[in-house]
Amino acid sequence: MPAHRFRILALDVDGTLLDPDGTLRPRTMKAVTRAARAGIRPVLCTGRRYRRAWPIAKQLELDAPLVCNSGAIIKDPAGHRTIWRADFDGALSADVLDLFLEHDQPAVIFTDRGPLDPDFIIREYPTGRDGFDDYIDKNREHAEIDAQWRPAVTTRPDHTWPAHGRDSIFHICAIGTTAQMLEFQAAAHNRVGGRIQTFVQRFSSYRGTMCEILRHDAGKWAAILHLAQLWRIEPASICAVGDDSNDILMIKNAGLGVAMGHARSEILSAADLVTGSHDEDGVAMLVEDVLLA
């Protein structure tokens, strides 16, 4: 498979670029650099907040925009400019916030501010809920507590950036046990229907499981397509690599969809190709043995 076929290499971060300890291994780093020098543009696509994705891009010496918050926002590291953001409209914001209230779930409301400002807003802390409070404990310096917070309302027809106000909802999550989050996910879809999409994910660094809520047309693949259109690149020229549920659409739709070897069965079955696990430098194996072979 010739290297020139692919012009974008969309890379999940946790469990893909990074090993289980959250380390970017030298072999993987070298491989991503080689891909970039060969004309393939690596783009980080992560569930992480921009603040936490940006240092990884700097370590890799990448200047491409970063797809963050599970694909709800694209940020340009040059000046921290927002390129695209999937804002909720006013009606959806109200319905989703009502959902949290009705099910007595405290919310983490992610923000799009400067790199030195808070990354998310919460209405109270501590809550006495183990998973939620553990997440806030570990990110307290980046949290704003505001019991009176209300979202800005976006009135643009397409509900995308720029929003009217700095704190429109574009990514919101609940945190609890896995069973609680699966139940909350079902309740969200029953109430809001096709206007949202959700991801229930468990991260080894936190005690709780997250139920993330995004606009129905947001996600890593939507964000990558937005960049591809800006760069006049066809989907067939995109290689996408990941290991979790928020990677499935980009794996299914990219010209070459690649699952990490340790991924769950539904991710493996969505892929055109399975590479090594994060313990085996699976991204490096893909670059060395397929993309640049």
Protein backbone atom coordinates (compact mmCIF):
# COMPACT_ATOMS: atom_id res chain seq x y z
CA MET A 1 0.00 0.00 0.00
CA PRO A 2 1.85 3.16 -1.13
CA ALA A 3 2.46 5.93 1.40
CA HIS A 4 1.13 8.63 -0.94
CA ARG A 5 -2.37 7.15 -0.72
CA PHE A 6 -2.82 8.66 2.76
CA ARG A 7 -2.61 12.34 3.55
CA ILE A 8 -4.14 12.39 7.05
CA LEU A 9 -3.28 10.01 9.90
CA ALA A 10 -6.01 10.45 12.53
CA LEU A 11 -4.70 9.14 15.84
CA ASP A 12 -6.54 8.49 19.07
CA VAL A 13 -4.35 9.35 22.07
CA ASP A 14 -5.07 7.25 25.17
CA GLY A 15 -4.64 3.57 24.41
CA THR A 16 -3.32 4.31 20.92
CA LEU A 17 -0.47 6.81 20.91
CA LEU A 18 0.11 6.39 24.64
CA ASP A 19 0.85 3.14 26.44
CA PRO A 20 -1.10 2.01 29.54
CA ASP A 21 1.10 4.22 31.75
CA GLY A 22 0.28 7.29 29.65
CA THR A 23 3.75 7.33 28.10
CA LEU A 24 4.60 8.21 24.52
CA ARG A 25 7.19 5.60 23.63
CA PRO A 26 10.28 6.49 21.57
CA ARG A 27 9.48 4.04 18.76
CA THR A 28 5.96 5.42 18.35
CA MET A 29 7.19 9.00 18.50
CA LYS A 30 9.79 8.30 15.82
CA ALA A 31 7.21 6.60 13.59
CA VAL A 32 4.77 9.52 13.78
CA THR A 33 7.61 11.89 12.90
CA ARG A 34 8.53 9.69 9.92
CA ALA A 35 4.94 9.70 8.71
CA ALA A 36 4.83 13.50 8.89
CA ARG A 37 8.08 13.82 6.96
CA ALA A 38 6.68 11.50 4.29
CA GLY A 39 3.77 13.88 3.70
CA ILE A 40 1.14 12.22 5.88
CA ARG A 41 -0.33 14.76 8.29
CA PRO A 42 -0.85 13.32 11.80
CA VAL A 43 -3.90 14.73 13.61
CA LEU A 44 -4.53 13.91 17.26
CA CYS A 45 -8.17 12.92 17.89
CA THR A 46 -8.87 12.54 21.57
CA GLY A 47 -11.45 12.53 24.30
CA ARG A 48 -9.05 14.71 26.27
CA ARG A 49 -9.49 18.38 26.92
CA TYR A 50 -7.35 20.72 24.80
CA ARG A 51 -5.12 21.57 27.78
CA ARG A 52 -4.18 17.89 28.11
CA ALA A 53 -3.83 17.18 24.38
CA TRP A 54 -1.67 20.18 23.54
CA PRO A 55 1.47 18.99 25.41
CA ILE A 56 1.39 15.68 23.51
CA ALA A 57 1.23 17.53 20.19
CA LYS A 58 4.18 19.66 21.29
CA GLN A 59 6.13 16.56 22.29
CA LEU A 60 5.53 15.16 18.80
CA GLU A 61 6.32 18.56 17.23
CA LEU A 62 2.97 18.58 15.42
CA ASP A 63 1.43 21.82 14.21
CA ALA A 64 -1.86 20.38 12.94
CA PRO A 65 -5.16 21.30 14.64
CA LEU A 66 -6.22 19.09 17.56
CA VAL A 67 -9.55 17.28 17.68
CA CYS A 68 -10.50 17.28 21.37
CA ASN A 69 -13.42 16.46 23.69
CA SER A 70 -14.30 13.29 21.73
CA GLY A 71 -14.64 15.34 18.54
CA ALA A 72 -16.81 18.20 19.83
CA ILE A 73 -14.16 20.84 19.15
CA ILE A 74 -11.14 21.51 16.92
CA LYS A 75 -8.41 23.79 18.24
CA ASP A 76 -5.46 25.33 16.39
CA PRO A 77 -2.38 25.23 18.65
CA ALA A 78 -1.09 28.36 16.92
CA GLY A 79 -2.74 30.96 19.11
CA HIS A 80 -5.21 28.45 20.64
CA ARG A 81 -7.86 29.46 18.11
CA THR A 82 -11.10 27.49 17.85
CA ILE A 83 -11.62 26.23 14.30
CA TRP A 84 -14.91 24.39 14.81
CA ARG A 85 -17.19 23.55 17.72
CA ALA A 86 -20.41 21.54 17.87
CA ASP A 87 -22.57 23.75 20.11
CA PHE A 88 -25.94 22.64 21.40
CA ASP A 89 -28.78 24.96 20.42
CA GLY A 90 -30.88 26.52 23.16
CA ALA A 91 -33.60 23.86 23.15
CA LEU A 92 -31.12 21.00 23.30
CA SER A 93 -29.16 22.69 26.10
CA ALA A 94 -32.34 23.04 28.14
CA ASP A 95 -33.45 19.45 27.54
CA VAL A 96 -30.05 17.99 28.44
CA LEU A 97 -29.74 20.06 31.61
CA ASP A 98 -33.27 19.00 32.60
CA LEU A 99 -32.22 15.40 32.05
CA PHE A 100 -29.37 15.78 34.54
CA LEU A 101 -31.69 17.39 37.09
CA GLU A 102 -34.42 14.76 36.72
CA HIS A 103 -31.93 11.93 37.23
CA ASP A 104 -30.08 13.70 40.04
CA GLN A 105 -26.79 13.59 38.15
CA PRO A 106 -24.22 16.34 38.72
CA ALA A 107 -22.77 17.52 35.41
CA VAL A 108 -19.29 18.32 34.16
CA ILE A 109 -19.79 21.09 31.57
CA PHE A 110 -16.68 21.54 29.44
CA THR A 111 -15.65 25.04 28.38
CA ASP A 112 -13.81 26.60 25.46
CA ARG A 113 -11.64 29.27 27.03
CA GLY A 114 -7.98 30.26 27.09
CA PRO A 115 -5.34 27.69 28.07
CA LEU A 116 -4.92 29.26 31.53
CA ASP A 117 -8.66 29.38 32.28
CA PRO A 118 -10.88 26.62 33.76
CA ASP A 119 -11.56 23.64 31.49
CA PHE A 120 -14.98 22.85 32.90
CA ILE A 121 -17.75 24.11 35.13
CA ILE A 122 -19.52 22.23 37.92
CA ARG A 123 -22.39 23.51 40.02
CA GLU A 124 -21.29 21.93 43.31
CA TYR A 125 -18.40 20.10 44.94
CA PRO A 126 -18.02 17.87 46.83
CA THR A 127 -21.15 15.90 46.04
CA GLY A 128 -20.54 12.77 48.13
CA ARG A 129 -20.51 10.70 44.93
CA ASP A 130 -17.31 8.73 44.69
CA GLY A 131 -16.71 8.67 40.93
CA PHE A 132 -17.70 12.29 40.35
CA ASP A 133 -15.71 13.67 43.29
CA ASP A 134 -12.66 11.59 42.33
CA TYR A 135 -12.65 13.20 38.85
CA ILE A 136 -12.92 16.69 40.36
CA ASP A 137 -10.25 15.91 42.98
CA LYS A 138 -7.80 15.01 40.22
CA ASN A 139 -8.67 18.06 38.08
CA ARG A 140 -9.57 20.61 40.75
CA GLU A 141 -7.14 23.29 39.55
CA HIS A 142 -8.93 23.33 36.18
CA ALA A 143 -12.49 23.46 37.54
CA GLU A 144 -14.81 26.41 38.13
CA ILE A 145 -17.57 25.96 40.71
CA ASP A 146 -20.61 28.11 39.95
CA ALA A 147 -23.98 27.15 41.40
CA GLN A 148 -25.67 29.87 39.31
CA TRP A 149 -24.16 28.95 35.94
CA ARG A 150 -26.45 29.00 32.91
CA PRO A 151 -25.48 28.26 29.29
CA ALA A 152 -25.17 30.88 26.61
CA VAL A 153 -27.73 30.37 23.83
CA THR A 154 -26.58 29.80 20.28
CA THR A 155 -28.93 31.13 17.62
CA ARG A 156 -26.96 30.45 14.44
CA PRO A 157 -28.92 28.08 12.13
CA ASP A 158 -26.13 25.48 12.06
CA HIS A 159 -25.40 25.83 15.79
CA THR A 160 -21.65 25.79 15.26
CA TRP A 161 -18.86 28.17 16.25
CA PRO A 162 -18.92 31.10 16.85
CA ALA A 163 -21.39 30.94 19.71
CA HIS A 164 -23.13 33.88 21.35
CA GLY A 165 -21.36 33.76 24.71
CA ARG A 166 -18.30 31.96 25.97
CA ASP A 167 -20.02 29.03 27.68
CA SER A 168 -22.39 27.34 25.28
CA ILE A 169 -22.68 23.60 25.86
CA PHE A 170 -20.80 21.46 23.37
CA HIS A 171 -19.65 18.56 25.61
CA ILE A 172 -21.18 17.52 28.92
CA CYS A 173 -20.84 14.38 30.98
CA ALA A 174 -22.10 12.50 34.00
CA ILE A 175 -19.83 10.30 36.13
CA GLY A 176 -20.77 7.28 38.22
CA THR A 177 -20.63 3.52 38.17
CA THR A 178 -20.75 1.73 34.83
CA ALA A 179 -24.25 0.46 35.55
CA GLN A 180 -25.45 3.96 36.45
CA MET A 181 -23.96 5.46 33.32
CA LEU A 182 -25.48 2.83 31.03
CA GLU A 183 -28.86 3.54 32.63
CA PHE A 184 -28.34 7.29 32.23
CA GLN A 185 -27.31 6.83 28.60
CA ALA A 186 -30.58 4.98 27.90
CA ALA A 187 -32.55 7.73 29.64
CA ALA A 188 -30.78 10.40 27.59
CA HIS A 189 -31.69 8.74 24.31
CA ASN A 190 -35.27 8.18 25.45
CA ARG A 191 -35.65 11.86 26.28
CA VAL A 192 -33.60 13.62 23.62
CA GLY A 193 -33.69 11.06 20.82
CA GLY A 194 -31.65 11.61 17.70
CA ARG A 195 -30.38 15.06 18.71
CA ILE A 196 -27.45 13.63 20.69
CA GLN A 197 -24.88 10.90 20.66
CA THR A 198 -23.32 9.38 23.76
CA PHE A 199 -20.20 7.50 24.77
CA VAL A 200 -19.92 5.49 27.98
CA GLN A 201 -16.24 5.09 28.76
CA ARG A 202 -14.09 3.92 31.63
CA PHE A 203 -10.61 5.36 32.14
CA SER A 204 -7.98 3.68 34.29
CA SER A 205 -6.91 6.98 35.86
CA TYR A 206 -10.36 7.59 37.39
CA ARG A 207 -12.60 5.56 39.68
CA GLY A 208 -15.80 6.45 37.86
CA THR A 209 -17.22 5.73 34.42
CA MET A 210 -18.22 8.67 32.20
CA CYS A 211 -21.31 9.11 30.08
CA GLU A 212 -20.41 11.80 27.56
CA ILE A 213 -23.10 13.66 25.62
CA LEU A 214 -22.35 15.43 22.33
CA ARG A 215 -24.49 16.84 19.56
CA HIS A 216 -25.73 14.09 17.22
CA ASP A 217 -23.48 15.13 14.35
CA ALA A 218 -20.35 15.72 16.42
CA GLY A 219 -17.53 13.25 16.99
CA LYS A 220 -14.02 12.50 15.89
CA TRP A 221 -15.01 11.55 12.35
CA ALA A 222 -17.10 14.69 11.87
CA ALA A 223 -14.18 16.80 13.07
CA ILE A 224 -11.68 15.01 10.84
CA LEU A 225 -14.01 15.47 7.86
CA HIS A 226 -14.19 19.18 8.63
CA LEU A 227 -10.39 19.41 8.47
CA ALA A 228 -10.26 17.23 5.35
CA GLN A 229 -12.68 19.55 3.59
CA LEU A 230 -10.59 22.58 4.58
CA TRP A 231 -7.50 20.83 3.21
CA ARG A 232 -9.31 19.41 0.15
CA ILE A 233 -8.54 15.83 1.10
CA GLU A 234 -10.91 12.96 0.29
CA PRO A 235 -12.03 10.49 3.01
CA ALA A 236 -10.27 7.72 1.07
CA SER A 237 -6.99 9.47 1.84
CA ILE A 238 -7.53 9.31 5.61
CA CYS A 239 -6.11 6.57 7.84
CA ALA A 240 -7.79 6.49 11.27
CA VAL A 241 -6.48 4.57 14.29
CA GLY A 242 -8.18 3.99 17.63
CA ASP A 243 -9.21 1.60 20.37
CA ASP A 244 -12.46 2.81 21.95
CA SER A 245 -16.13 3.46 21.23
CA ASN A 246 -15.65 7.11 20.24
CA ASP A 247 -13.23 5.91 17.53
CA ILE A 248 -15.65 3.55 15.76
CA LEU A 249 -17.11 5.98 13.23
CA MET A 250 -13.73 7.25 12.06
CA ILE A 251 -12.43 3.67 11.86
CA LYS A 252 -15.47 2.58 9.83
CA ASN A 253 -15.45 5.53 7.44
CA ALA A 254 -11.79 6.31 6.82
CA GLY A 255 -9.98 5.06 3.73
CA LEU A 256 -8.09 2.76 6.09
CA GLY A 257 -9.61 2.11 9.51
CA VAL A 258 -7.22 0.56 12.01
CA ALA A 259 -7.96 -0.90 15.45
CA MET A 260 -5.35 -1.40 18.13
CA GLY A 261 -4.79 -5.03 19.03
CA HIS A 262 -6.08 -4.65 22.58
CA ALA A 263 -9.39 -3.02 21.51
CA ARG A 264 -12.77 -4.57 22.33
CA SER A 265 -14.45 -6.84 19.81
CA GLU A 266 -16.81 -4.19 18.40
CA ILE A 267 -13.86 -1.92 17.57
CA LEU A 268 -11.88 -4.80 16.05
CA SER A 269 -14.83 -5.79 13.87
CA ALA A 270 -15.21 -2.22 12.56
CA ALA A 271 -11.61 -2.06 11.31
CA ASP A 272 -10.05 -2.85 7.95
CA LEU A 273 -6.83 -3.72 9.73
CA VAL A 274 -5.75 -4.65 13.26
CA THR A 275 -2.31 -3.51 14.36
CA GLY A 276 -0.40 -4.33 17.54
CA SER A 277 -1.53 -3.28 21.00
CA HIS A 278 -0.29 -0.18 22.81
CA ASP A 279 2.18 -2.47 24.61
CA GLU A 280 3.63 -3.40 21.21
CA ASP A 281 3.89 0.11 19.71
CA GLY A 282 0.96 -0.66 17.44
CA VAL A 283 0.99 2.80 15.82
CA ALA A 284 4.68 2.37 14.98
CA MET A 285 3.94 -1.06 13.50
CA LEU A 286 1.25 0.48 11.28
CA VAL A 287 3.51 3.28 10.05
CA GLU A 288 6.55 1.06 9.47
CA ASP A 289 4.85 -2.00 8.03
CA VAL A 290 1.90 -0.51 6.12
CA LEU A 291 1.93 3.24 5.55
CA LEU A 292 5.62 3.63 4.72
CA ALA A 293 6.35 0.10 3.52
